[in-house]
Every structure is written in C-alpha cells, then in structure tokens.
Protein backbone atom coordinates (compact mmCIF):
# COMPACT_ATOMS: atom_id res chain seq x y z
CA UNK A 1 20.91 7.63 -19.87
CA UNK A 2 17.36 6.33 -20.19
CA UNK A 3 15.05 7.37 -17.39
CA UNK A 4 13.32 4.64 -15.34
CA UNK A 5 9.59 4.18 -15.82
CA UNK A 6 7.64 4.53 -12.58
CA UNK A 7 4.07 3.27 -12.27
CA UNK A 8 2.01 5.09 -9.63
CA UNK A 9 -1.34 4.17 -8.12
CA UNK A 10 -3.20 4.52 -4.82
CA UNK A 11 -6.42 3.53 -3.09
CA UNK A 12 -7.79 6.97 -2.20
CA UNK A 13 -8.76 7.84 -5.76
CA UNK A 14 -7.40 9.85 -8.66
CA UNK A 15 -7.93 13.24 -6.99
CA UNK A 16 -6.40 12.42 -3.59
CA UNK A 17 -3.85 14.89 -2.28
CA UNK A 18 -1.42 12.12 -1.36
CA UNK A 19 -1.37 10.80 -4.91
CA UNK A 20 -0.81 14.27 -6.35
CA UNK A 21 2.13 14.88 -4.01
CA UNK A 22 3.66 11.48 -4.80
CA UNK A 23 3.40 12.22 -8.52
CA UNK A 24 5.34 15.46 -8.07
CA UNK A 25 8.19 13.59 -6.36
CA UNK A 26 8.35 10.71 -8.83
CA UNK A 27 8.49 13.07 -11.82
CA UNK A 28 11.90 14.12 -10.50
CA UNK A 29 13.11 10.50 -10.67
CA UNK A 30 11.82 9.18 -13.98
CA UNK A 31 9.09 8.89 -16.57
CA UNK A 32 5.78 8.50 -14.80
CA UNK A 33 2.66 6.49 -15.62
CA UNK A 34 -0.29 7.07 -13.29
CA UNK A 35 -3.17 4.58 -13.27
CA UNK A 36 -5.57 5.29 -10.44
CA UNK A 37 -9.16 4.56 -9.52
CA UNK A 38 -11.87 7.12 -10.11
CA UNK A 39 -13.12 6.58 -6.55
CA UNK A 40 -11.75 5.50 -3.18
CA UNK A 41 -10.97 1.83 -2.69
CA UNK A 42 -9.76 2.08 0.89
CA UNK A 43 -10.08 -1.15 2.83
CA UNK A 44 -10.64 -3.26 -0.28
CA UNK A 45 -7.48 -5.30 0.18
CA UNK A 46 -6.36 -7.38 -2.80
CA UNK A 47 -9.68 -7.17 -4.62
CA UNK A 48 -9.75 -7.53 -8.40
CA UNK A 49 -12.56 -6.92 -10.87
CA UNK A 50 -13.68 -10.18 -12.49
CA UNK A 51 -17.42 -9.69 -13.04
CA UNK A 52 -17.52 -6.33 -14.82
CA UNK A 53 -15.63 -4.72 -17.71
CA UNK A 54 -12.60 -2.63 -16.85
CA UNK A 55 -12.12 0.76 -18.48
CA UNK A 56 -9.22 3.15 -18.92
CA UNK A 57 -9.66 6.83 -19.73
CA UNK A 58 -6.69 8.97 -20.70
CA UNK A 59 -6.46 12.10 -18.53
CA UNK A 60 -3.14 13.57 -19.67
CA UNK A 61 -0.21 12.68 -21.88
CA UNK A 62 2.90 14.85 -22.11
CA UNK A 63 6.62 14.22 -22.43
CA UNK A 64 7.62 11.85 -19.62
CA UNK A 65 4.15 11.78 -18.05
CA UNK A 66 0.98 9.82 -18.75
CA UNK A 67 -2.13 9.60 -16.56
CA UNK A 68 -5.13 7.30 -16.77
CA UNK A 69 -8.20 6.91 -14.59
CA UNK A 70 -9.86 3.51 -14.23
CA UNK A 71 -13.00 2.04 -12.75
CA UNK A 72 -10.91 -0.77 -11.29
CA UNK A 73 -9.32 -1.45 -7.92
CA UNK A 74 -5.70 -0.59 -7.07
CA UNK A 75 -4.65 -4.13 -8.02
CA UNK A 76 -6.51 -3.79 -11.33
CA UNK A 77 -4.65 -0.53 -11.93
CA UNK A 78 -1.27 -2.23 -11.51
CA UNK A 79 -2.26 -5.02 -13.89
CA UNK A 80 -3.65 -2.60 -16.48
CA UNK A 81 -0.62 -0.34 -16.25
CA UNK A 82 1.84 -3.17 -16.78
CA UNK A 83 -0.05 -5.36 -19.26
CA UNK A 84 -2.24 -2.97 -21.27
CA UNK A 85 -0.53 0.42 -21.28
CA UNK A 86 3.20 -0.27 -20.91
CA UNK A 87 3.16 -3.88 -22.15
CA UNK A 88 6.29 -4.41 -20.09
CA UNK A 89 7.43 -4.18 -16.50
CA UNK A 90 8.17 -0.71 -15.14
CA UNK A 91 11.36 -0.22 -13.17
CA UNK A 92 9.41 0.74 -10.05
CA UNK A 93 5.87 0.75 -8.65
CA UNK A 94 4.92 3.21 -5.92
CA UNK A 95 1.54 3.38 -4.24
CA UNK A 96 0.12 6.15 -2.08
CA UNK A 97 0.66 8.43 -0.40
CA UNK A 98 -2.11 6.83 1.63
CA UNK A 99 -4.25 9.04 3.83
CA UNK A 100 -3.82 7.08 7.07
CA UNK A 101 -1.57 4.42 8.57
CA UNK A 102 -0.89 1.08 6.95
CA UNK A 103 1.32 -0.12 9.79
CA UNK A 104 0.80 -3.41 11.58
CA UNK A 105 -2.29 -5.46 10.63
CA UNK A 106 -3.63 -2.60 8.50
CA UNK A 107 -1.58 -4.00 5.64
CA UNK A 108 -4.07 -6.88 5.38
CA UNK A 109 -6.94 -4.52 4.53
CA UNK A 110 -5.06 -1.89 2.57
CA UNK A 111 -5.72 -1.26 -1.10
CA UNK A 112 -2.55 0.84 -1.17
CA UNK A 113 -0.41 -2.09 -0.06
CA UNK A 114 -2.37 -4.58 -2.18
CA UNK A 115 -1.15 -2.71 -5.26
CA UNK A 116 2.41 -2.95 -3.93
CA UNK A 117 2.12 -6.66 -3.23
CA UNK A 118 0.68 -7.20 -6.73
CA UNK A 119 3.73 -5.49 -8.18
CA UNK A 120 5.93 -7.70 -6.01
CA UNK A 121 4.17 -10.83 -7.29
CA UNK A 122 4.93 -9.65 -10.83
CA UNK A 123 8.61 -9.28 -9.96
CA UNK A 124 8.63 -5.47 -9.97
CA UNK A 125 10.35 -3.49 -7.15
CA UNK A 126 7.44 -1.91 -5.29
CA UNK A 127 6.94 0.50 -2.38
CA UNK A 128 3.86 1.66 -0.49
CA UNK A 129 3.89 5.06 1.25
CA UNK A 130 1.40 6.08 3.93
CA UNK A 131 1.05 9.15 6.15
CA UNK A 132 -0.61 8.72 9.53
CA UNK A 133 -3.16 11.45 8.80
CA UNK A 134 -6.66 10.59 7.58
CA UNK A 135 -7.66 14.13 6.62
CA UNK A 136 -8.38 14.95 2.97
CA UNK A 137 -6.26 18.09 3.34
CA UNK A 138 -3.35 16.34 5.08
CA UNK A 139 0.04 18.07 4.86
CA UNK A 140 2.48 15.83 2.98
CA UNK A 141 5.32 18.33 2.76
CA UNK A 142 7.44 16.60 5.42
CA UNK A 143 7.45 13.36 3.39
CA UNK A 144 9.14 14.47 0.20
CA UNK A 145 12.86 14.03 0.84
CA UNK A 146 12.37 10.72 2.64
CA UNK A 147 10.20 9.30 -0.16
CA UNK A 148 12.71 10.44 -2.76
CA UNK A 149 15.63 8.90 -0.88
CA UNK A 150 13.90 5.53 -0.31
CA UNK A 151 12.67 5.35 -3.92
CA UNK A 152 16.11 6.21 -5.29
CA UNK A 153 17.69 3.48 -3.15
CA UNK A 154 15.24 0.90 -4.47
CA UNK A 155 15.80 2.02 -8.08
CA UNK A 156 19.57 1.76 -7.63
CA UNK A 157 19.84 -1.24 -5.34
CA UNK A 158 16.70 -3.24 -6.12
CA UNK A 159 14.86 -5.52 -3.69
CA UNK A 160 15.10 -9.23 -3.01
CA UNK A 161 12.79 -11.47 -5.00
CA UNK A 162 9.36 -11.64 -3.41
CA UNK A 163 9.96 -8.61 -1.17
CA UNK A 164 8.39 -5.13 -1.24
CA UNK A 165 8.41 -2.22 1.21
CA UNK A 166 5.73 -0.83 3.50
CA UNK A 167 6.69 2.72 4.52
CA UNK A 168 4.70 4.61 7.14
CA UNK A 169 5.32 8.24 8.02
CA UNK A 170 4.23 9.99 11.23
CA UNK A 171 2.05 13.08 10.80
CA UNK A 172 4.45 15.56 12.37
CA UNK A 173 6.50 18.49 11.04
CA UNK A 174 9.72 17.55 9.26
CA UNK A 175 11.92 18.83 12.07
CA UNK A 176 10.21 16.44 14.49
CA UNK A 177 10.89 13.31 12.42
CA UNK A 178 13.74 11.52 14.19
CA UNK A 179 14.83 9.41 11.24
CA UNK A 180 14.09 6.18 9.40
CA UNK A 181 13.74 2.90 11.28
CA UNK A 182 13.90 -0.49 9.55
CA UNK A 183 11.59 -2.69 11.54
CA UNK A 184 9.00 -5.45 11.56
CA UNK A 185 5.23 -5.45 11.50
CA UNK A 186 3.68 -4.95 14.93
CA UNK A 187 1.43 -7.55 16.52
CA UNK A 188 -1.91 -5.77 16.75
CA UNK A 189 -5.47 -6.15 15.53
CA UNK A 190 -8.74 -4.39 14.98
CA UNK A 191 -11.36 -5.38 17.54
CA UNK A 192 -14.49 -5.07 15.45
CA UNK A 193 -17.93 -4.29 16.73
CA UNK A 194 -21.21 -3.84 14.86
CA UNK A 195 -23.77 -1.28 15.89
CA UNK A 196 -27.28 -2.54 15.25
CA UNK A 197 -29.56 0.15 13.83
CA UNK A 198 -32.89 0.47 12.07
CA UNK A 199 -33.55 2.28 8.84
CA UNK A 200 -36.64 4.51 8.27
CA UNK A 201 -38.60 1.39 7.26
CA UNK A 202 -37.68 -0.37 10.49
CA UNK A 203 -35.37 -2.84 8.78
CA UNK A 204 -32.26 -3.84 10.69
CA UNK A 205 -28.83 -2.82 9.42
CA UNK A 206 -25.34 -2.96 10.90
CA UNK A 207 -22.60 -0.34 11.03
CA UNK A 208 -19.02 -1.50 11.50
CA UNK A 209 -17.13 0.16 14.37
CA UNK A 210 -14.32 -0.95 16.64
CA UNK A 211 -10.93 0.00 17.96
CA UNK A 212 -7.26 -0.74 17.34
CA UNK A 213 -5.62 -2.97 19.94
CA UNK A 214 -1.85 -3.24 20.29
CA UNK A 215 -0.65 -6.62 21.53
CA UNK A 216 2.95 -5.60 22.13
CA UNK A 217 5.08 -2.54 22.84
CA UNK A 218 8.33 -3.61 21.18
CA UNK A 219 10.65 -0.89 19.89
CA UNK A 220 11.37 -3.14 16.88
CA UNK A 221 7.93 -2.59 15.33
CA UNK A 222 6.43 -0.19 12.81
CA UNK A 223 3.72 0.90 15.22
CA UNK A 224 6.26 1.91 17.88
CA UNK A 225 8.37 3.71 15.29
CA UNK A 226 5.49 5.86 14.08
CA UNK A 227 4.28 6.63 17.58
CA UNK A 228 7.79 7.84 18.40
CA UNK A 229 8.18 10.02 15.29
CA UNK A 230 10.25 7.65 13.16
CA UNK A 231 9.46 6.68 9.60
CA UNK A 232 9.01 2.91 9.58
CA UNK A 233 10.22 0.75 6.71
CA UNK A 234 9.06 -2.86 6.79
CA UNK A 235 10.23 -5.41 4.20
CA UNK A 236 7.11 -7.38 3.28
CA UNK A 237 6.75 -10.73 1.51
CA UNK A 238 3.68 -12.21 -0.13
CA UNK A 239 4.60 -15.78 0.87
CA UNK A 240 2.23 -16.34 3.82
CA UNK A 241 3.61 -19.77 4.69
CA UNK A 242 4.46 -20.21 8.37
CA UNK A 243 7.78 -21.91 7.66
CA UNK A 244 8.55 -22.47 11.35
CA UNK A 245 5.33 -24.48 11.67
CA UNK A 246 6.00 -26.89 8.80
CA UNK A 247 7.81 -29.54 10.84
CA UNK A 248 5.15 -29.51 13.55
CA UNK A 249 2.30 -29.96 11.07
CA UNK A 250 4.25 -32.66 9.20
CA UNK A 251 4.57 -34.55 12.52
CA UNK A 252 0.80 -35.00 12.56
CA UNK A 253 1.26 -37.63 9.81
CA UNK A 254 -1.99 -36.70 8.17
CA UNK A 255 -3.01 -39.45 5.77
CA UNK A 256 -6.77 -39.82 6.13
CA UNK A 257 -6.50 -43.08 8.07
CA UNK A 258 -6.35 -41.75 11.59
CA UNK A 259 -10.06 -41.07 12.08
C-alpha cells in the first residue's frame, strides 16, 4: 500500500528541537517532506512574502524523506511545498512542535497555526502541535504517542471541510498527562504594554511587554485543559464570520439612505 505524503513545517526554524522530534514521529507514518524557515517566524501570524524572492535550498533527499530550507514564512513553506515541490496536495500537513502554547488567543499570532490554517484553506487535513514549554532544549518525549495517535486518526478518518486541529500539550512528564480533551478555544487576551526607552543616541524606542489575561475559567476550554495536565484538541475553522450576528446586522437595514 502506498504511504501517505506528510508535509511538515514550523515557525521556530529549521533547527528547532520540536521540528526535529516531529519529523522522527512522522517518518513512522509516511513519506515526509520538510519545508521550514531558516530562522524563527514566531508571532508572524499568517504573513506571506510578496515583496522579495522566495528561495528553496535542498538539505537532504533520501528514500521516503526530503528536506528543504526556505527564506519564507511558515505559510510560504506550505505553499512552496504543495505547489513547487510536490505539485499536488499531500495527505497531511503537520506544523510544530511549537516551543510554547498556542492555546486560546495565541492562535491569532501563531506562525505554527498559520501554516495549519493555510493547509486547511487548500483543502488538506492539517494539524498544529504545540508544547507549553518555551525553552530551546524543551523535552518533547512525552508527546510522541499522543501525536502519533492523533495524526493517524486524521489520516484514517479525515477532517470536515474547512476544519483543522490545534493541539496543545502540557509540559509535564508523560505519566502526569491525564488524557486528551476535545474542547473549545478559551476566552483570553494579551494585555499589551510598551516600555518607553532611549537608545545610546537618546532616540526613543518602544519594547513590547504585557501579560496574559484569562477571561473565563470554564473546564470546556483549551487553557483549562492544559493547566490541568490534559492535552487539548480544538477543531478550528478559518471562516471568521459571526454567523449568530448576521440577523442582527441585517436588521439595521443598511442602505446608505439613513444618514
């Protein structure tokens, strides 16, 4: 039986430990194509490169495994992998393993999840994996079996059109993980603050700081799941329409004549 083709990318860069660990798992499940950025693109969201040439450099090519490095963003890497290298849709896209949480509102800023959403837009089953540990030398060993199980399910069962998965894993030993919880995105936000500073030439500059603020404590959310040692799995859609608000906005009867 023909092996599935799995496209892998991330936002922490080609040498990130999370990417390397994810590659080792996916090579057990199919033929792997890696297309990853040469540098970190954390916090870049759904950025694409439109004002500079994109490049691909072959790193390795062996039976069942091909790896490229690019100067593009994670979204660029998905596009290049599908359209330039494979010239067809892979059976699965996985992104990560991200160094740090992409639960709750973090998905809006995440390059890891932007790659997943791009795959979803293209009609490819896609999953983002993140570990709630920001250290370069984070221990990913507790993630392996869970990532393999979730990826195998998606390969076998597929996902609904327009839906991808955001998977977040607590940074605890495997024996402390209580299980997998299917849940929704938590209502939270980053409260941003800018520190005003002066450079050696007395010019003002600003350094972004802030803190994460939870706006709910529901046990049905990804944030609660991670904080309580569950792996959270959130089905995500790229349709941002507030469908429940359509009737209300229609009732405004906007026609340009009311002012």
